[in-house]
Amino acid sequence: MPISADRKKSFRTIGHKLNPIVTIAGKGLSEGVLLELNRALDDHELIKVKLAVAEREDRKELVAELVALPNVELIQEIGKVVILYRGNKKANPKLSNLRR
């Protein structure tokens, strides 16, 4: 179910203050990066990801791969940084960026 525009706006506000948790470089979405990305989404629900890739087309492909992950929604994409959201009903309130 897509997120409403108002909810996306509030997520962008929260995401603006976050530091990137995961950095994806030239090797793309390797198995280790996917594991860390899934762990971060499970723990924090809303995360900022840095795409350390020079070419714009390569970044667009990476973003498409990220959005194709199960239940992941793109909240914002600016330059080399994206904000991703995946809800977790059992998220730890001490770790979640939405429940603090």
N, C-alpha and C. Protein backbone atom coordinates (compact mmCIF):
# COMPACT_ATOMS: atom_id res chain seq x y z
N MET A 1 0.84 -1.18 0.00
CA MET A 1 0.00 0.00 0.00
C MET A 1 0.89 1.24 0.00
N PRO A 2 0.70 2.14 -0.95
CA PRO A 2 1.55 3.33 -1.03
C PRO A 2 1.36 4.26 0.17
N ILE A 3 2.39 5.00 0.46
CA ILE A 3 2.36 5.95 1.57
C ILE A 3 1.71 7.24 1.08
N SER A 4 0.93 7.88 1.94
CA SER A 4 0.28 9.13 1.57
C SER A 4 1.31 10.25 1.45
N ALA A 5 0.95 11.31 0.75
CA ALA A 5 1.86 12.44 0.54
C ALA A 5 2.22 13.11 1.86
N ASP A 6 1.26 13.22 2.77
CA ASP A 6 1.54 13.84 4.07
C ASP A 6 2.52 13.01 4.88
N ARG A 7 2.35 11.70 4.83
CA ARG A 7 3.26 10.82 5.59
C ARG A 7 4.66 10.86 4.98
N LYS A 8 4.75 10.90 3.65
CA LYS A 8 6.06 11.01 3.00
C LYS A 8 6.75 12.31 3.40
N LYS A 9 5.97 13.37 3.50
CA LYS A 9 6.54 14.66 3.90
C LYS A 9 7.11 14.58 5.31
N SER A 10 6.40 13.95 6.22
CA SER A 10 6.92 13.83 7.59
C SER A 10 8.14 12.91 7.62
N PHE A 11 8.16 11.87 6.78
CA PHE A 11 9.33 10.99 6.70
C PHE A 11 10.54 11.75 6.15
N ARG A 12 10.32 12.63 5.17
CA ARG A 12 11.43 13.43 4.62
C ARG A 12 12.00 14.35 5.69
N THR A 13 11.13 14.89 6.53
CA THR A 13 11.59 15.76 7.62
C THR A 13 12.46 14.98 8.59
N ILE A 14 12.04 13.78 8.96
CA ILE A 14 12.82 12.94 9.86
C ILE A 14 14.12 12.51 9.18
N GLY A 15 14.03 12.10 7.93
CA GLY A 15 15.18 11.61 7.18
C GLY A 15 16.25 12.65 6.94
N HIS A 16 15.86 13.92 6.89
CA HIS A 16 16.81 15.00 6.68
C HIS A 16 17.88 15.02 7.77
N LYS A 17 17.50 14.69 8.98
CA LYS A 17 18.40 14.75 10.13
C LYS A 17 19.27 13.50 10.27
N LEU A 18 18.97 12.46 9.52
CA LEU A 18 19.69 11.19 9.65
C LEU A 18 21.03 11.22 8.91
N ASN A 19 21.96 10.40 9.40
CA ASN A 19 23.21 10.16 8.69
C ASN A 19 23.05 8.87 7.89
N PRO A 20 23.76 8.76 6.76
CA PRO A 20 23.67 7.52 5.98
C PRO A 20 24.15 6.31 6.79
N ILE A 21 23.35 5.26 6.79
CA ILE A 21 23.68 4.04 7.52
C ILE A 21 24.43 3.07 6.61
N VAL A 22 24.04 3.03 5.35
CA VAL A 22 24.63 2.10 4.39
C VAL A 22 25.18 2.92 3.22
N THR A 23 26.37 2.53 2.76
CA THR A 23 26.96 3.14 1.57
C THR A 23 27.11 2.05 0.51
N ILE A 24 26.59 2.33 -0.67
CA ILE A 24 26.69 1.38 -1.78
C ILE A 24 27.68 1.97 -2.77
N ALA A 25 28.75 1.22 -3.04
CA ALA A 25 29.81 1.70 -3.94
C ALA A 25 29.76 0.96 -5.27
N GLY A 26 30.89 0.90 -5.93
CA GLY A 26 31.00 0.38 -7.29
C GLY A 26 30.56 -1.05 -7.49
N LYS A 27 30.64 -1.90 -6.47
CA LYS A 27 30.24 -3.30 -6.65
C LYS A 27 28.73 -3.50 -6.56
N GLY A 28 28.00 -2.44 -6.26
CA GLY A 28 26.54 -2.53 -6.24
C GLY A 28 25.99 -3.26 -5.03
N LEU A 29 24.87 -3.91 -5.24
CA LEU A 29 24.17 -4.60 -4.15
C LEU A 29 24.73 -6.02 -3.99
N SER A 30 25.86 -6.12 -3.33
CA SER A 30 26.43 -7.43 -3.04
C SER A 30 25.64 -8.09 -1.92
N GLU A 31 25.93 -9.33 -1.65
CA GLU A 31 25.21 -10.06 -0.61
C GLU A 31 25.39 -9.40 0.76
N GLY A 32 26.61 -8.96 1.07
CA GLY A 32 26.87 -8.29 2.35
C GLY A 32 26.11 -6.98 2.49
N VAL A 33 26.06 -6.22 1.41
CA VAL A 33 25.33 -4.94 1.43
C VAL A 33 23.84 -5.19 1.62
N LEU A 34 23.31 -6.20 0.94
CA LEU A 34 21.89 -6.54 1.09
C LEU A 34 21.56 -6.96 2.52
N LEU A 35 22.44 -7.75 3.13
CA LEU A 35 22.22 -8.17 4.52
C LEU A 35 22.20 -6.97 5.46
N GLU A 36 23.15 -6.07 5.29
CA GLU A 36 23.22 -4.87 6.13
C GLU A 36 22.03 -3.96 5.88
N LEU A 37 21.64 -3.83 4.64
CA LEU A 37 20.49 -2.99 4.28
C LEU A 37 19.21 -3.53 4.92
N ASN A 38 18.99 -4.84 4.82
CA ASN A 38 17.80 -5.45 5.43
C ASN A 38 17.83 -5.33 6.95
N ARG A 39 19.00 -5.51 7.57
CA ARG A 39 19.10 -5.36 9.02
C ARG A 39 18.78 -3.93 9.43
N ALA A 40 19.32 -2.96 8.69
CA ALA A 40 19.07 -1.56 9.01
C ALA A 40 17.60 -1.20 8.84
N LEU A 41 16.96 -1.69 7.79
CA LEU A 41 15.54 -1.41 7.58
C LEU A 41 14.69 -2.06 8.67
N ASP A 42 15.05 -3.28 9.09
CA ASP A 42 14.31 -3.94 10.17
C ASP A 42 14.46 -3.18 11.48
N ASP A 43 15.66 -2.71 11.77
CA ASP A 43 15.92 -2.03 13.04
C ASP A 43 15.38 -0.60 13.06
N HIS A 44 15.63 0.16 11.98
CA HIS A 44 15.37 1.60 11.99
C HIS A 44 14.13 2.02 11.21
N GLU A 45 13.61 1.18 10.36
CA GLU A 45 12.45 1.45 9.50
C GLU A 45 12.70 2.52 8.44
N LEU A 46 13.25 3.65 8.82
CA LEU A 46 13.53 4.75 7.89
C LEU A 46 15.04 4.97 7.91
N ILE A 47 15.68 4.81 6.74
CA ILE A 47 17.14 4.95 6.69
C ILE A 47 17.57 5.82 5.52
N LYS A 48 18.76 6.35 5.65
CA LYS A 48 19.39 7.11 4.58
C LYS A 48 20.53 6.26 4.03
N VAL A 49 20.59 6.17 2.70
CA VAL A 49 21.60 5.36 2.02
C VAL A 49 22.39 6.26 1.07
N LYS A 50 23.72 6.15 1.13
CA LYS A 50 24.58 6.92 0.24
C LYS A 50 24.98 6.03 -0.94
N LEU A 51 24.85 6.57 -2.13
CA LEU A 51 25.22 5.85 -3.35
C LEU A 51 26.54 6.45 -3.85
N ALA A 52 27.65 5.79 -3.56
CA ALA A 52 28.97 6.28 -3.95
C ALA A 52 29.32 5.79 -5.35
N VAL A 53 28.47 6.16 -6.29
CA VAL A 53 28.64 5.77 -7.69
C VAL A 53 28.63 7.05 -8.52
N ALA A 54 29.60 7.19 -9.41
CA ALA A 54 29.77 8.44 -10.15
C ALA A 54 28.71 8.67 -11.22
N GLU A 55 28.35 7.65 -11.96
CA GLU A 55 27.44 7.82 -13.10
C GLU A 55 25.98 7.87 -12.67
N ARG A 56 25.25 8.84 -13.20
CA ARG A 56 23.83 9.02 -12.86
C ARG A 56 22.99 7.81 -13.25
N GLU A 57 23.27 7.23 -14.43
CA GLU A 57 22.50 6.07 -14.89
C GLU A 57 22.70 4.88 -13.95
N ASP A 58 23.93 4.70 -13.48
CA ASP A 58 24.21 3.62 -12.53
C ASP A 58 23.46 3.83 -11.22
N ARG A 59 23.39 5.08 -10.78
CA ARG A 59 22.64 5.39 -9.54
C ARG A 59 21.16 5.10 -9.74
N LYS A 60 20.62 5.44 -10.91
CA LYS A 60 19.20 5.17 -11.19
C LYS A 60 18.93 3.67 -11.16
N GLU A 61 19.85 2.88 -11.71
CA GLU A 61 19.69 1.42 -11.68
C GLU A 61 19.73 0.90 -10.25
N LEU A 62 20.64 1.44 -9.43
CA LEU A 62 20.72 1.03 -8.02
C LEU A 62 19.44 1.37 -7.28
N VAL A 63 18.90 2.56 -7.52
CA VAL A 63 17.66 2.96 -6.87
C VAL A 63 16.53 2.02 -7.28
N ALA A 64 16.48 1.66 -8.55
CA ALA A 64 15.45 0.72 -9.02
C ALA A 64 15.59 -0.63 -8.33
N GLU A 65 16.83 -1.09 -8.13
CA GLU A 65 17.06 -2.35 -7.43
C GLU A 65 16.64 -2.25 -5.96
N LEU A 66 16.90 -1.10 -5.34
CA LEU A 66 16.53 -0.91 -3.94
C LEU A 66 15.01 -0.92 -3.77
N VAL A 67 14.32 -0.24 -4.67
CA VAL A 67 12.86 -0.16 -4.59
C VAL A 67 12.23 -1.52 -4.88
N ALA A 68 12.92 -2.36 -5.63
CA ALA A 68 12.41 -3.69 -5.96
C ALA A 68 12.49 -4.66 -4.77
N LEU A 69 13.23 -4.29 -3.74
CA LEU A 69 13.30 -5.14 -2.55
C LEU A 69 11.92 -5.22 -1.90
N PRO A 70 11.62 -6.31 -1.19
CA PRO A 70 10.29 -6.49 -0.61
C PRO A 70 9.89 -5.37 0.35
N ASN A 71 8.75 -4.76 0.08
CA ASN A 71 8.11 -3.75 0.93
C ASN A 71 8.92 -2.49 1.14
N VAL A 72 9.91 -2.21 0.31
CA VAL A 72 10.73 -1.00 0.44
C VAL A 72 10.11 0.11 -0.38
N GLU A 73 9.98 1.28 0.24
CA GLU A 73 9.43 2.44 -0.46
C GLU A 73 10.47 3.54 -0.51
N LEU A 74 10.59 4.17 -1.66
CA LEU A 74 11.49 5.30 -1.82
C LEU A 74 10.78 6.55 -1.30
N ILE A 75 11.38 7.20 -0.34
CA ILE A 75 10.80 8.42 0.22
C ILE A 75 11.37 9.64 -0.50
N GLN A 76 12.70 9.64 -0.70
CA GLN A 76 13.32 10.79 -1.35
C GLN A 76 14.62 10.37 -2.01
N GLU A 77 14.92 11.01 -3.11
CA GLU A 77 16.19 10.79 -3.81
C GLU A 77 16.74 12.15 -4.21
N ILE A 78 17.88 12.49 -3.63
CA ILE A 78 18.54 13.75 -3.96
C ILE A 78 20.01 13.44 -4.22
N GLY A 79 20.46 13.65 -5.44
CA GLY A 79 21.85 13.41 -5.77
C GLY A 79 22.26 11.99 -5.49
N LYS A 80 23.23 11.84 -4.59
CA LYS A 80 23.77 10.52 -4.26
C LYS A 80 23.21 9.95 -2.97
N VAL A 81 22.11 10.51 -2.49
CA VAL A 81 21.53 10.06 -1.23
C VAL A 81 20.06 9.72 -1.44
N VAL A 82 19.63 8.57 -0.90
CA VAL A 82 18.22 8.19 -0.94
C VAL A 82 17.75 7.87 0.47
N ILE A 83 16.48 8.12 0.70
CA ILE A 83 15.84 7.77 1.97
C ILE A 83 14.84 6.67 1.66
N LEU A 84 14.97 5.56 2.39
CA LEU A 84 14.13 4.39 2.18
C LEU A 84 13.33 4.10 3.43
N TYR A 85 12.14 3.51 3.22
CA TYR A 85 11.26 3.15 4.33
C TYR A 85 10.75 1.73 4.13
N ARG A 86 10.75 0.98 5.21
CA ARG A 86 10.07 -0.31 5.26
C ARG A 86 9.54 -0.46 6.67
N GLY A 87 8.22 -0.49 6.80
CA GLY A 87 7.59 -0.58 8.10
C GLY A 87 7.88 -1.91 8.79
N ASN A 88 7.94 -1.87 10.11
CA ASN A 88 8.17 -3.06 10.92
C ASN A 88 7.29 -2.94 12.16
N LYS A 89 6.28 -3.77 12.26
CA LYS A 89 5.35 -3.69 13.39
C LYS A 89 6.01 -4.07 14.71
N LYS A 90 7.10 -4.84 14.64
CA LYS A 90 7.79 -5.28 15.86
C LYS A 90 9.11 -4.54 16.05
N ALA A 91 9.22 -3.33 15.54
CA ALA A 91 10.47 -2.57 15.64
C ALA A 91 10.76 -2.20 17.08
N ASN A 92 12.03 -2.24 17.42
CA ASN A 92 12.48 -1.84 18.75
C ASN A 92 12.36 -0.31 18.85
N PRO A 93 11.60 0.21 19.81
CA PRO A 93 11.42 1.66 19.91
C PRO A 93 12.73 2.41 20.17
N LYS A 94 13.72 1.73 20.73
CA LYS A 94 15.00 2.39 20.99
C LYS A 94 15.82 2.54 19.71
N LEU A 95 15.56 1.72 18.71
CA LEU A 95 16.31 1.78 17.46
C LEU A 95 15.56 2.46 16.33
N SER A 96 14.24 2.39 16.34
CA SER A 96 13.45 2.93 15.25
C SER A 96 13.58 4.44 15.15
N ASN A 97 13.78 4.94 13.92
CA ASN A 97 13.85 6.37 13.70
C ASN A 97 12.47 7.02 13.72
N LEU A 98 11.40 6.22 13.68
CA LEU A 98 10.05 6.76 13.66
C LEU A 98 9.39 6.76 15.03
N ARG A 99 9.87 5.97 15.95
CA ARG A 99 9.19 5.81 17.25
C ARG A 99 9.94 6.43 18.41
N ARG A 100 10.89 7.29 18.12
CA ARG A 100 11.64 7.95 19.19
C ARG A 100 10.93 9.18 19.63
